[in-house]
């Protein structure tokens, strides 16, 4: 399984220090390499489609689930990620 980042998610990722960026990318790859990546994810209630989140410390990674890949749509601290 593979992943892509939206332009917005890429910009949000770049706001974090380099060591945190590496940690987040490694965690995404680790989750996706497992037999059941959704085991590590929670479904986001109230969102349309197949939207989930990974939790990495205080940072949340929101993504849309597709059959063979995920599309990361947002990366932010917990206090900021659900604001719209």
N, C-alpha and C. Protein backbone atom coordinates (compact mmCIF):
# COMPACT_ATOMS: atom_id res chain seq x y z
N UNK A 1 0.84 -1.17 0.00
CA UNK A 1 0.00 0.00 0.00
C UNK A 1 0.89 1.24 0.00
N UNK A 2 0.39 2.28 -0.65
CA UNK A 2 1.17 3.51 -0.80
C UNK A 2 0.34 4.69 -0.31
N UNK A 3 0.96 5.86 -0.27
CA UNK A 3 0.27 7.06 0.18
C UNK A 3 0.66 8.26 -0.66
N UNK A 4 -0.22 9.24 -0.68
CA UNK A 4 0.03 10.54 -1.31
C UNK A 4 -0.38 11.62 -0.31
N UNK A 5 0.18 12.80 -0.47
CA UNK A 5 -0.19 13.95 0.35
C UNK A 5 -0.81 15.01 -0.55
N UNK A 6 -1.88 15.62 -0.07
CA UNK A 6 -2.42 16.76 -0.81
C UNK A 6 -1.43 17.91 -0.65
N UNK A 7 -1.58 18.93 -1.47
CA UNK A 7 -0.69 20.09 -1.38
C UNK A 7 -0.79 20.73 0.01
N UNK A 8 -2.02 20.80 0.54
CA UNK A 8 -2.22 21.39 1.86
C UNK A 8 -1.53 20.56 2.94
N UNK A 9 -1.65 19.23 2.88
CA UNK A 9 -1.02 18.36 3.86
C UNK A 9 0.51 18.48 3.79
N UNK A 10 1.04 18.62 2.58
CA UNK A 10 2.49 18.79 2.42
C UNK A 10 2.95 20.09 3.08
N UNK A 11 2.19 21.17 2.89
CA UNK A 11 2.54 22.45 3.52
C UNK A 11 2.49 22.35 5.03
N UNK A 12 1.48 21.64 5.55
CA UNK A 12 1.36 21.47 7.00
C UNK A 12 2.51 20.63 7.55
N UNK A 13 2.90 19.60 6.81
CA UNK A 13 4.02 18.76 7.23
C UNK A 13 5.31 19.57 7.32
N UNK A 14 5.53 20.46 6.35
CA UNK A 14 6.77 21.25 6.30
C UNK A 14 6.87 22.25 7.45
N UNK A 15 5.77 22.54 8.15
CA UNK A 15 5.80 23.46 9.28
C UNK A 15 6.45 22.84 10.51
N UNK A 16 6.51 21.51 10.56
CA UNK A 16 7.10 20.81 11.70
C UNK A 16 8.62 20.73 11.54
N UNK A 17 9.34 20.62 12.65
CA UNK A 17 10.80 20.42 12.56
C UNK A 17 11.11 19.13 11.78
N UNK A 18 12.29 19.09 11.20
CA UNK A 18 12.68 17.97 10.33
C UNK A 18 12.59 16.63 11.05
N UNK A 19 12.99 16.57 12.31
CA UNK A 19 12.93 15.29 13.03
C UNK A 19 11.49 14.81 13.22
N UNK A 20 10.56 15.73 13.42
CA UNK A 20 9.15 15.37 13.54
C UNK A 20 8.60 14.94 12.17
N UNK A 21 9.02 15.63 11.11
CA UNK A 21 8.60 15.25 9.75
C UNK A 21 9.00 13.81 9.47
N UNK A 22 10.25 13.47 9.80
CA UNK A 22 10.73 12.11 9.57
C UNK A 22 9.91 11.11 10.38
N UNK A 23 9.65 11.45 11.63
CA UNK A 23 8.90 10.56 12.50
C UNK A 23 7.50 10.30 11.93
N UNK A 24 6.84 11.34 11.44
CA UNK A 24 5.50 11.20 10.89
C UNK A 24 5.50 10.33 9.64
N UNK A 25 6.44 10.57 8.74
CA UNK A 25 6.51 9.77 7.50
C UNK A 25 6.84 8.31 7.82
N UNK A 26 7.77 8.09 8.73
CA UNK A 26 8.11 6.71 9.11
C UNK A 26 6.91 6.01 9.74
N UNK A 27 6.13 6.73 10.54
CA UNK A 27 4.95 6.15 11.18
C UNK A 27 3.89 5.79 10.14
N UNK A 28 3.68 6.67 9.16
CA UNK A 28 2.73 6.37 8.08
C UNK A 28 3.18 5.11 7.35
N UNK A 29 4.46 5.04 6.99
CA UNK A 29 4.97 3.86 6.29
C UNK A 29 4.84 2.60 7.13
N UNK A 30 5.10 2.72 8.43
CA UNK A 30 4.97 1.58 9.34
C UNK A 30 3.52 1.08 9.37
N UNK A 31 2.58 2.00 9.54
CA UNK A 31 1.18 1.62 9.57
C UNK A 31 0.76 0.95 8.26
N UNK A 32 1.18 1.51 7.14
CA UNK A 32 0.77 0.98 5.84
C UNK A 32 1.43 -0.36 5.51
N UNK A 33 2.54 -0.66 6.14
CA UNK A 33 3.22 -1.93 5.87
C UNK A 33 2.57 -3.10 6.63
N UNK A 34 1.68 -2.80 7.55
CA UNK A 34 1.03 -3.87 8.31
C UNK A 34 -0.07 -4.52 7.46
N UNK A 35 -0.53 -5.67 7.90
CA UNK A 35 -1.58 -6.38 7.18
C UNK A 35 -2.90 -5.62 7.20
N UNK A 36 -3.16 -4.91 8.29
CA UNK A 36 -4.42 -4.17 8.44
C UNK A 36 -4.12 -2.76 8.95
N UNK A 37 -3.81 -1.82 8.03
CA UNK A 37 -3.48 -0.45 8.45
C UNK A 37 -4.60 0.23 9.22
N UNK A 38 -5.84 -0.14 8.96
CA UNK A 38 -6.95 0.51 9.65
C UNK A 38 -7.04 0.10 11.12
N UNK A 39 -6.30 -0.91 11.50
CA UNK A 39 -6.22 -1.29 12.91
C UNK A 39 -5.65 -0.14 13.74
N UNK A 40 -4.76 0.64 13.13
CA UNK A 40 -4.11 1.77 13.82
C UNK A 40 -4.88 3.07 13.66
N UNK A 41 -5.96 3.06 12.89
CA UNK A 41 -6.69 4.28 12.55
C UNK A 41 -8.05 4.31 13.23
N UNK A 42 -8.57 5.51 13.37
CA UNK A 42 -9.93 5.71 13.86
C UNK A 42 -10.72 6.41 12.76
N UNK A 43 -11.98 5.99 12.59
CA UNK A 43 -12.85 6.63 11.61
C UNK A 43 -13.26 8.00 12.15
N UNK A 44 -13.30 8.98 11.29
CA UNK A 44 -13.71 10.33 11.68
C UNK A 44 -15.22 10.43 11.49
N UNK A 45 -15.94 10.56 12.58
CA UNK A 45 -17.39 10.67 12.52
C UNK A 45 -17.80 12.01 11.95
N UNK A 46 -18.89 12.02 11.20
CA UNK A 46 -19.42 13.25 10.66
C UNK A 46 -18.76 13.70 9.37
N UNK A 47 -17.79 12.95 8.88
CA UNK A 47 -17.14 13.29 7.62
C UNK A 47 -17.68 12.40 6.52
N UNK A 48 -17.75 12.92 5.33
CA UNK A 48 -18.21 12.13 4.20
C UNK A 48 -17.12 11.18 3.74
N UNK A 49 -17.54 10.04 3.22
CA UNK A 49 -16.58 9.11 2.65
C UNK A 49 -15.84 8.31 3.70
N UNK A 50 -14.70 7.84 3.31
CA UNK A 50 -13.89 6.98 4.15
C UNK A 50 -12.73 7.78 4.73
N UNK A 51 -13.02 8.66 5.68
CA UNK A 51 -12.00 9.51 6.29
C UNK A 51 -11.61 8.93 7.64
N UNK A 52 -10.29 8.81 7.84
CA UNK A 52 -9.74 8.23 9.06
C UNK A 52 -8.63 9.12 9.58
N UNK A 53 -8.11 8.74 10.76
CA UNK A 53 -6.97 9.46 11.31
C UNK A 53 -6.00 8.49 11.96
N UNK A 54 -4.73 8.82 11.83
CA UNK A 54 -3.67 8.17 12.60
C UNK A 54 -3.28 9.14 13.70
N UNK A 55 -2.94 8.62 14.87
CA UNK A 55 -2.47 9.44 15.97
C UNK A 55 -0.99 9.16 16.17
N UNK A 56 -0.20 10.22 16.17
CA UNK A 56 1.24 10.11 16.43
C UNK A 56 1.55 11.15 17.51
N UNK A 57 1.53 10.72 18.77
CA UNK A 57 1.70 11.66 19.87
C UNK A 57 0.54 12.64 19.89
N UNK A 58 0.85 13.93 19.87
CA UNK A 58 -0.19 14.96 19.86
C UNK A 58 -0.56 15.40 18.45
N UNK A 59 -0.01 14.73 17.46
CA UNK A 59 -0.26 15.09 16.06
C UNK A 59 -1.24 14.10 15.45
N UNK A 60 -2.16 14.64 14.63
CA UNK A 60 -3.14 13.80 13.95
C UNK A 60 -2.91 13.88 12.45
N UNK A 61 -3.02 12.74 11.80
CA UNK A 61 -2.87 12.65 10.35
C UNK A 61 -4.21 12.19 9.80
N UNK A 62 -4.92 13.08 9.14
CA UNK A 62 -6.20 12.74 8.54
C UNK A 62 -5.98 12.26 7.12
N UNK A 63 -6.71 11.21 6.75
CA UNK A 63 -6.53 10.66 5.40
C UNK A 63 -7.81 10.04 4.89
N UNK A 64 -7.91 9.97 3.58
CA UNK A 64 -9.01 9.30 2.90
C UNK A 64 -8.51 7.93 2.45
N UNK A 65 -9.32 6.92 2.68
CA UNK A 65 -8.96 5.54 2.35
C UNK A 65 -9.44 5.21 0.94
N UNK A 66 -8.53 4.73 0.12
CA UNK A 66 -8.86 4.22 -1.21
C UNK A 66 -8.41 2.77 -1.23
N UNK A 67 -8.80 2.02 -2.21
CA UNK A 67 -8.56 0.57 -2.20
C UNK A 67 -7.09 0.19 -2.10
N UNK A 68 -6.20 0.92 -2.77
CA UNK A 68 -4.80 0.52 -2.76
C UNK A 68 -3.86 1.61 -2.26
N UNK A 69 -4.42 2.71 -1.75
CA UNK A 69 -3.58 3.80 -1.25
C UNK A 69 -4.39 4.71 -0.34
N UNK A 70 -3.68 5.56 0.39
CA UNK A 70 -4.36 6.57 1.19
C UNK A 70 -3.94 7.94 0.68
N UNK A 71 -4.82 8.91 0.87
CA UNK A 71 -4.55 10.29 0.51
C UNK A 71 -4.58 11.10 1.80
N UNK A 72 -3.40 11.54 2.24
CA UNK A 72 -3.29 12.34 3.46
C UNK A 72 -3.80 13.74 3.13
N UNK A 73 -4.81 14.18 3.89
CA UNK A 73 -5.44 15.46 3.61
C UNK A 73 -5.09 16.55 4.61
N UNK A 74 -4.67 16.16 5.82
CA UNK A 74 -4.37 17.16 6.83
C UNK A 74 -3.41 16.57 7.86
N UNK A 75 -2.45 17.39 8.31
CA UNK A 75 -1.52 17.01 9.36
C UNK A 75 -1.42 18.20 10.30
N UNK A 76 -1.81 18.00 11.56
CA UNK A 76 -1.77 19.12 12.50
C UNK A 76 -1.81 18.58 13.93
N UNK A 77 -1.52 19.47 14.87
CA UNK A 77 -1.63 19.13 16.27
C UNK A 77 -3.10 18.90 16.61
N UNK A 78 -3.32 18.12 17.62
CA UNK A 78 -4.67 17.73 18.01
C UNK A 78 -5.58 18.93 18.21
N UNK A 79 -5.07 19.98 18.84
CA UNK A 79 -5.88 21.14 19.14
C UNK A 79 -6.29 21.93 17.89
N UNK A 80 -5.63 21.67 16.78
CA UNK A 80 -5.90 22.44 15.55
C UNK A 80 -6.51 21.62 14.43
N UNK A 81 -6.39 20.31 14.48
CA UNK A 81 -6.72 19.48 13.32
C UNK A 81 -8.21 19.45 13.00
N UNK A 82 -9.08 19.54 13.98
CA UNK A 82 -10.51 19.40 13.72
C UNK A 82 -11.21 20.73 13.47
N UNK A 83 -10.49 21.83 13.54
CA UNK A 83 -11.07 23.13 13.25
C UNK A 83 -11.28 23.26 11.75
N UNK A 84 -12.43 23.74 11.35
CA UNK A 84 -12.70 23.91 9.93
C UNK A 84 -13.40 25.20 9.66
